[in-house]
Amino acid sequence: MIVSDDPRHERLARHGTAGPLNSLRHWPEARHPLRVMLNYVVIVICRISPSLRLKSWLLRRIGVTVGEGVSWGLESTPDVFWPDRITVEDHAIIGYDATLLCHEFLQDEYRLGDVVVGERAMIGAGAIVLPGVEIGAGAQVAANSLVVEDVPPGETVAGVPARPLSESRDSTSDDGNAPPED
């Protein structure tokens, strides 16, 4: 068991699973299979549709809270099991092939947590957001990042795991080299 001061871990609901099988084998007990199938069909349509309006409309039908002006990139994937645990606030961008997960299936338990993407936040292409993470208003997640902790409003994070980018313009020039000595 991981002990952490991370608020994300404190927000996760833990559900133990009995027996020798890993928790993923218990998914039909966690969520009705017909609900998962319906969610999956809607999400596949959303992944390939270029219409931002249609995507938002369809995702609302399966429980995602979608604000005004939200843009879902092609191939973006909200959680198939628990899309109703996702909130994307006004004018946020979910980039190409980004994934928002609200569940973690582990060996002896599965965990559930809400994902919140704040107003005008941006999730880059290929990024993965884990359950329980909150992305603050105006925050940015770089492409191919793994977000395991909350991102404060206005912060930019990148990497695996995603970490804040430090502003180093004062110590390097635009080409990445040190500035000339006076």
C-alpha atoms as a PDB file:
ATOM      1  CA  MET A   1       0.000   0.000   0.000  1.00  0.00           C
ATOM      2  CA  ILE A   2       1.288   3.435  -0.956  1.00  0.00           C
ATOM      3  CA  VAL A   3       1.289   6.052   1.784  1.00  0.00           C
ATOM      4  CA  SER A   4       1.190   9.543   0.359  1.00  0.00           C
ATOM      5  CA  ASP A   5       0.539  13.141   1.290  1.00  0.00           C
ATOM      6  CA  ASP A   6      -0.919  13.605  -2.187  1.00  0.00           C
ATOM      7  CA  PRO A   7      -4.524  14.866  -2.023  1.00  0.00           C
ATOM      8  CA  ARG A   8      -5.305  12.703  -5.070  1.00  0.00           C
ATOM      9  CA  HIS A   9      -4.771   9.516  -3.050  1.00  0.00           C
ATOM     10  CA  GLU A  10      -6.960  10.838  -0.243  1.00  0.00           C
ATOM     11  CA  ARG A  11      -9.808  11.442  -2.715  1.00  0.00           C
ATOM     12  CA  LEU A  12      -9.770   7.912  -4.149  1.00  0.00           C
ATOM     13  CA  ALA A  13     -12.471   5.482  -3.066  1.00  0.00           C
ATOM     14  CA  ARG A  14     -10.931   2.038  -2.532  1.00  0.00           C
ATOM     15  CA  HIS A  15     -12.896  -1.149  -3.215  1.00  0.00           C
ATOM     16  CA  GLY A  16     -11.312  -4.427  -2.140  1.00  0.00           C
ATOM     17  CA  THR A  17     -11.795  -7.554  -4.206  1.00  0.00           C
ATOM     18  CA  ALA A  18     -11.782 -11.023  -2.674  1.00  0.00           C
ATOM     19  CA  GLY A  19     -10.188 -14.192  -3.957  1.00  0.00           C
ATOM     20  CA  PRO A  20      -7.149 -15.040  -6.055  1.00  0.00           C
ATOM     21  CA  LEU A  21      -8.203 -13.069  -9.140  1.00  0.00           C
ATOM     22  CA  ASN A  22      -6.964  -9.530  -9.768  1.00  0.00           C
ATOM     23  CA  SER A  23      -9.473  -6.710  -9.431  1.00  0.00           C
ATOM     24  CA  LEU A  24      -9.983  -6.270 -13.176  1.00  0.00           C
ATOM     25  CA  ARG A  25     -11.604  -9.727 -13.246  1.00  0.00           C
ATOM     26  CA  HIS A  26     -14.269  -8.261 -10.925  1.00  0.00           C
ATOM     27  CA  TRP A  27     -15.244  -5.383 -13.214  1.00  0.00           C
ATOM     28  CA  PRO A  28     -18.756  -6.719 -13.985  1.00  0.00           C
ATOM     29  CA  GLU A  29     -19.512  -6.512 -10.250  1.00  0.00           C
ATOM     30  CA  ALA A  30     -18.245  -2.908 -10.166  1.00  0.00           C
ATOM     31  CA  ARG A  31     -20.145  -1.579 -13.186  1.00  0.00           C
ATOM     32  CA  HIS A  32     -22.990  -3.152 -15.146  1.00  0.00           C
ATOM     33  CA  PRO A  33     -21.663  -4.633 -18.435  1.00  0.00           C
ATOM     34  CA  LEU A  34     -24.461  -3.047 -20.514  1.00  0.00           C
ATOM     35  CA  ARG A  35     -23.576   0.393 -19.111  1.00  0.00           C
ATOM     36  CA  VAL A  36     -19.908  -0.151 -20.020  1.00  0.00           C
ATOM     37  CA  MET A  37     -20.868  -1.323 -23.521  1.00  0.00           C
ATOM     38  CA  LEU A  38     -23.056   1.747 -24.094  1.00  0.00           C
ATOM     39  CA  ASN A  39     -20.311   4.039 -22.788  1.00  0.00           C
ATOM     40  CA  TYR A  40     -17.782   2.335 -25.057  1.00  0.00           C
ATOM     41  CA  VAL A  41     -19.903   2.732 -28.204  1.00  0.00           C
ATOM     42  CA  VAL A  42     -20.504   6.424 -27.469  1.00  0.00           C
ATOM     43  CA  ILE A  43     -16.815   7.028 -26.737  1.00  0.00           C
ATOM     44  CA  VAL A  44     -15.714   5.276 -29.958  1.00  0.00           C
ATOM     45  CA  ILE A  45     -18.060   7.534 -31.940  1.00  0.00           C
ATOM     46  CA  CYS A  46     -16.667  10.568 -30.113  1.00  0.00           C
ATOM     47  CA  ARG A  47     -13.064   9.496 -30.753  1.00  0.00           C
ATOM     48  CA  ILE A  48     -13.563   9.507 -34.527  1.00  0.00           C
ATOM     49  CA  SER A  49     -16.035  12.368 -34.927  1.00  0.00           C
ATOM     50  CA  PRO A  50     -14.547  15.714 -35.977  1.00  0.00           C
ATOM     51  CA  SER A  51     -17.613  17.561 -34.644  1.00  0.00           C
ATOM     52  CA  LEU A  52     -16.838  19.204 -31.299  1.00  0.00           C
ATOM     53  CA  ARG A  53     -20.517  19.946 -30.699  1.00  0.00           C
ATOM     54  CA  LEU A  54     -21.539  16.303 -31.304  1.00  0.00           C
ATOM     55  CA  LYS A  55     -18.788  15.002 -29.006  1.00  0.00           C
ATOM     56  CA  SER A  56     -19.855  17.245 -26.133  1.00  0.00           C
ATOM     57  CA  TRP A  57     -23.528  16.367 -26.662  1.00  0.00           C
ATOM     58  CA  LEU A  58     -22.836  12.610 -26.723  1.00  0.00           C
ATOM     59  CA  LEU A  59     -20.497  12.697 -23.734  1.00  0.00           C
ATOM     60  CA  ARG A  60     -23.102  14.564 -21.693  1.00  0.00           C
ATOM     61  CA  ARG A  61     -25.546  11.724 -22.494  1.00  0.00           C
ATOM     62  CA  ILE A  62     -23.237   9.208 -20.735  1.00  0.00           C
ATOM     63  CA  GLY A  63     -22.705  11.448 -17.715  1.00  0.00           C
ATOM     64  CA  VAL A  64     -19.599  13.534 -18.445  1.00  0.00           C
ATOM     65  CA  THR A  65     -20.021  17.086 -17.163  1.00  0.00           C
ATOM     66  CA  VAL A  66     -18.982  19.192 -20.164  1.00  0.00           C
ATOM     67  CA  GLY A  67     -18.803  22.975 -19.931  1.00  0.00           C
ATOM     68  CA  GLU A  68     -19.442  25.493 -22.696  1.00  0.00           C
ATOM     69  CA  GLY A  69     -16.954  25.634 -25.540  1.00  0.00           C
ATOM     70  CA  VAL A  70     -15.009  22.506 -24.536  1.00  0.00           C
ATOM     71  CA  SER A  71     -12.885  21.055 -27.337  1.00  0.00           C
ATOM     72  CA  TRP A  72     -12.263  17.297 -27.471  1.00  0.00           C
ATOM     73  CA  GLY A  73      -9.443  16.295 -29.814  1.00  0.00           C
ATOM     74  CA  LEU A  74      -9.723  13.308 -32.125  1.00  0.00           C
ATOM     75  CA  GLU A  75      -9.029   9.986 -30.390  1.00  0.00           C
ATOM     76  CA  SER A  76      -9.371  11.565 -26.922  1.00  0.00           C
ATOM     77  CA  THR A  77     -10.773   9.054 -24.443  1.00  0.00           C
ATOM     78  CA  PRO A  78     -12.762   9.729 -21.296  1.00  0.00           C
ATOM     79  CA  ASP A  79     -13.030   6.859 -18.822  1.00  0.00           C
ATOM     80  CA  VAL A  80     -15.148   4.054 -20.297  1.00  0.00           C
ATOM     81  CA  PHE A  81     -16.255   2.592 -16.969  1.00  0.00           C
ATOM     82  CA  TRP A  82     -17.055   5.802 -15.045  1.00  0.00           C
ATOM     83  CA  PRO A  83     -17.411   8.757 -17.460  1.00  0.00           C
ATOM     84  CA  ASP A  84     -19.868  10.294 -14.990  1.00  0.00           C
ATOM     85  CA  ARG A  85     -16.900  11.048 -12.689  1.00  0.00           C
ATOM     86  CA  ILE A  86     -15.384  13.512 -15.195  1.00  0.00           C
ATOM     87  CA  THR A  87     -15.936  17.274 -15.173  1.00  0.00           C
ATOM     88  CA  VAL A  88     -14.455  19.443 -17.931  1.00  0.00           C
ATOM     89  CA  GLU A  89     -15.124  23.115 -17.324  1.00  0.00           C
ATOM     90  CA  ASP A  90     -15.760  25.884 -19.862  1.00  0.00           C
ATOM     91  CA  HIS A  91     -13.397  26.338 -22.806  1.00  0.00           C
ATOM     92  CA  ALA A  92     -10.979  23.590 -21.769  1.00  0.00           C
ATOM     93  CA  ILE A  93      -9.112  21.578 -24.400  1.00  0.00           C
ATOM     94  CA  ILE A  94      -8.622  17.817 -24.254  1.00  0.00           C
ATOM     95  CA  GLY A  95      -5.938  17.095 -26.851  1.00  0.00           C
ATOM     96  CA  TYR A  96      -5.541  14.393 -29.491  1.00  0.00           C
ATOM     97  CA  ASP A  97      -5.381  10.897 -27.954  1.00  0.00           C
ATOM     98  CA  ALA A  98      -5.474  12.222 -24.368  1.00  0.00           C
ATOM     99  CA  THR A  99      -6.992   9.891 -21.755  1.00  0.00           C
ATOM    100  CA  LEU A 100      -8.910  10.841 -18.609  1.00  0.00           C
ATOM    101  CA  LEU A 101      -9.106   7.876 -16.220  1.00  0.00           C
ATOM    102  CA  CYS A 102     -11.396   7.658 -13.206  1.00  0.00           C
ATOM    103  CA  HIS A 103     -10.432   4.122 -12.176  1.00  0.00           C
ATOM    104  CA  GLU A 104      -7.360   2.040 -11.379  1.00  0.00           C
ATOM    105  CA  PHE A 105      -7.653  -1.743 -11.316  1.00  0.00           C
ATOM    106  CA  LEU A 106      -4.932  -3.192  -9.067  1.00  0.00           C
ATOM    107  CA  GLN A 107      -4.288  -6.711  -7.795  1.00  0.00           C
ATOM    108  CA  ASP A 108      -6.448  -6.674  -4.641  1.00  0.00           C
ATOM    109  CA  GLU A 109      -8.555  -3.563  -5.109  1.00  0.00           C
ATOM    110  CA  TYR A 110      -9.822  -1.042  -7.561  1.00  0.00           C
ATOM    111  CA  ARG A 111      -9.837   2.681  -6.940  1.00  0.00           C
ATOM    112  CA  LEU A 112     -12.208   5.364  -8.171  1.00  0.00           C
ATOM    113  CA  GLY A 113     -11.706   9.107  -8.264  1.00  0.00           C
ATOM    114  CA  ASP A 114     -13.226  12.118  -9.963  1.00  0.00           C
ATOM    115  CA  VAL A 115     -11.221  13.982 -12.602  1.00  0.00           C
ATOM    116  CA  VAL A 116     -11.744  17.725 -12.898  1.00  0.00           C
ATOM    117  CA  VAL A 117     -10.303  19.807 -15.725  1.00  0.00           C
ATOM    118  CA  GLY A 118     -10.613  23.495 -14.892  1.00  0.00           C
ATOM    119  CA  GLU A 119     -11.817  26.362 -17.035  1.00  0.00           C
ATOM    120  CA  ARG A 120      -9.512  27.118 -20.005  1.00  0.00           C
ATOM    121  CA  ALA A 121      -7.132  24.322 -18.976  1.00  0.00           C
ATOM    122  CA  MET A 122      -5.372  22.330 -21.690  1.00  0.00           C
ATOM    123  CA  ILE A 123      -4.456  18.646 -21.757  1.00  0.00           C
ATOM    124  CA  GLY A 124      -1.886  17.972 -24.492  1.00  0.00           C
ATOM    125  CA  ALA A 125      -1.896  15.175 -27.060  1.00  0.00           C
ATOM    126  CA  GLY A 126      -1.301  11.706 -25.670  1.00  0.00           C
ATOM    127  CA  ALA A 127      -1.395  12.822 -22.034  1.00  0.00           C
ATOM    128  CA  ILE A 128      -2.903  10.533 -19.395  1.00  0.00           C
ATOM    129  CA  VAL A 129      -4.674  11.909 -16.327  1.00  0.00           C
ATOM    130  CA  LEU A 130      -5.091   9.460 -13.435  1.00  0.00           C
ATOM    131  CA  PRO A 131      -8.154   9.157 -11.171  1.00  0.00           C
ATOM    132  CA  GLY A 132      -8.651  11.810  -8.522  1.00  0.00           C
ATOM    133  CA  VAL A 133      -6.551  14.441 -10.297  1.00  0.00           C
ATOM    134  CA  GLU A 134      -7.694  18.042 -10.490  1.00  0.00           C
ATOM    135  CA  ILE A 135      -6.263  20.252 -13.249  1.00  0.00           C
ATOM    136  CA  GLY A 136      -6.648  23.890 -12.216  1.00  0.00           C
ATOM    137  CA  ALA A 137      -8.089  26.713 -14.296  1.00  0.00           C
ATOM    138  CA  GLY A 138      -5.724  27.824 -17.041  1.00  0.00           C
ATOM    139  CA  ALA A 139      -3.263  24.994 -16.326  1.00  0.00           C
ATOM    140  CA  GLN A 140      -1.458  23.216 -19.146  1.00  0.00           C
ATOM    141  CA  VAL A 141      -0.382  19.581 -19.406  1.00  0.00           C
ATOM    142  CA  ALA A 142       2.281  18.931 -22.046  1.00  0.00           C
ATOM    143  CA  ALA A 143       1.879  16.214 -24.661  1.00  0.00           C
ATOM    144  CA  ASN A 144       2.604  12.624 -23.576  1.00  0.00           C
ATOM    145  CA  SER A 145       2.668  13.513 -19.884  1.00  0.00           C
ATOM    146  CA  LEU A 146       1.403  11.263 -17.085  1.00  0.00           C
ATOM    147  CA  VAL A 147      -0.491  13.364 -14.536  1.00  0.00           C
ATOM    148  CA  VAL A 148      -0.385  11.662 -11.136  1.00  0.00           C
ATOM    149  CA  GLU A 149      -0.871  14.768  -8.939  1.00  0.00           C
ATOM    150  CA  ASP A 150      -3.084  17.838  -8.977  1.00  0.00           C
ATOM    151  CA  VAL A 151      -1.976  20.690 -11.234  1.00  0.00           C
ATOM    152  CA  PRO A 152      -2.464  24.136  -9.663  1.00  0.00           C
ATOM    153  CA  PRO A 153      -4.269  26.853 -11.631  1.00  0.00           C
ATOM    154  CA  GLY A 154      -2.057  28.439 -14.285  1.00  0.00           C
ATOM    155  CA  GLU A 155       0.735  25.856 -13.874  1.00  0.00           C
ATOM    156  CA  THR A 156       2.378  24.064 -16.805  1.00  0.00           C
ATOM    157  CA  VAL A 157       3.496  20.480 -16.237  1.00  0.00           C
ATOM    158  CA  ALA A 158       5.338  17.979 -18.405  1.00  0.00           C
ATOM    159  CA  GLY A 159       6.907  14.545 -18.190  1.00  0.00           C
ATOM    160  CA  VAL A 160       6.387  11.107 -16.715  1.00  0.00           C
ATOM    161  CA  PRO A 161       5.356  11.716 -14.048  1.00  0.00           C
ATOM    162  CA  ALA A 162       4.327  15.286 -14.894  1.00  0.00           C
ATOM    163  CA  ARG A 163       6.277  17.935 -13.003  1.00  0.00           C
ATOM    164  CA  PRO A 164       6.082  21.734 -13.117  1.00  0.00           C
ATOM    165  CA  LEU A 165       8.184  23.387 -15.789  1.00  0.00           C
ATOM    166  CA  SER A 166      10.498  26.001 -14.366  1.00  0.00           C
ATOM    167  CA  GLU A 167      10.809  29.323 -16.111  1.00  0.00           C
ATOM    168  CA  SER A 168      14.436  29.666 -17.177  1.00  0.00           C
ATOM    169  CA  ARG A 169      14.263  32.482 -19.731  1.00  0.00           C
ATOM    170  CA  ASP A 170      16.449  34.664 -17.529  1.00  0.00           C
ATOM    171  CA  SER A 171      19.293  32.120 -17.532  1.00  0.00           C
ATOM    172  CA  THR A 172      19.151  30.978 -21.170  1.00  0.00           C
ATOM    173  CA  SER A 173      18.546  32.606 -24.512  1.00  0.00           C
ATOM    174  CA  ASP A 174      15.752  31.654 -26.909  1.00  0.00           C
ATOM    175  CA  ASP A 175      17.999  29.063 -28.566  1.00  0.00           C
ATOM    176  CA  GLY A 176      18.617  27.283 -25.248  1.00  0.00           C
ATOM    177  CA  ASN A 177      22.228  28.477 -24.916  1.00  0.00           C
ATOM    178  CA  ALA A 178      23.561  30.554 -22.048  1.00  0.00           C
ATOM    179  CA  PRO A 179      23.472  34.308 -22.710  1.00  0.00           C
ATOM    180  CA  PRO A 180      26.737  35.958 -23.707  1.00  0.00           C
ATOM    181  CA  GLU A 181      28.875  37.401 -20.935  1.00  0.00           C
ATOM    182  CA  ASP A 182      28.962  41.200 -20.643  1.00  0.00           C
END
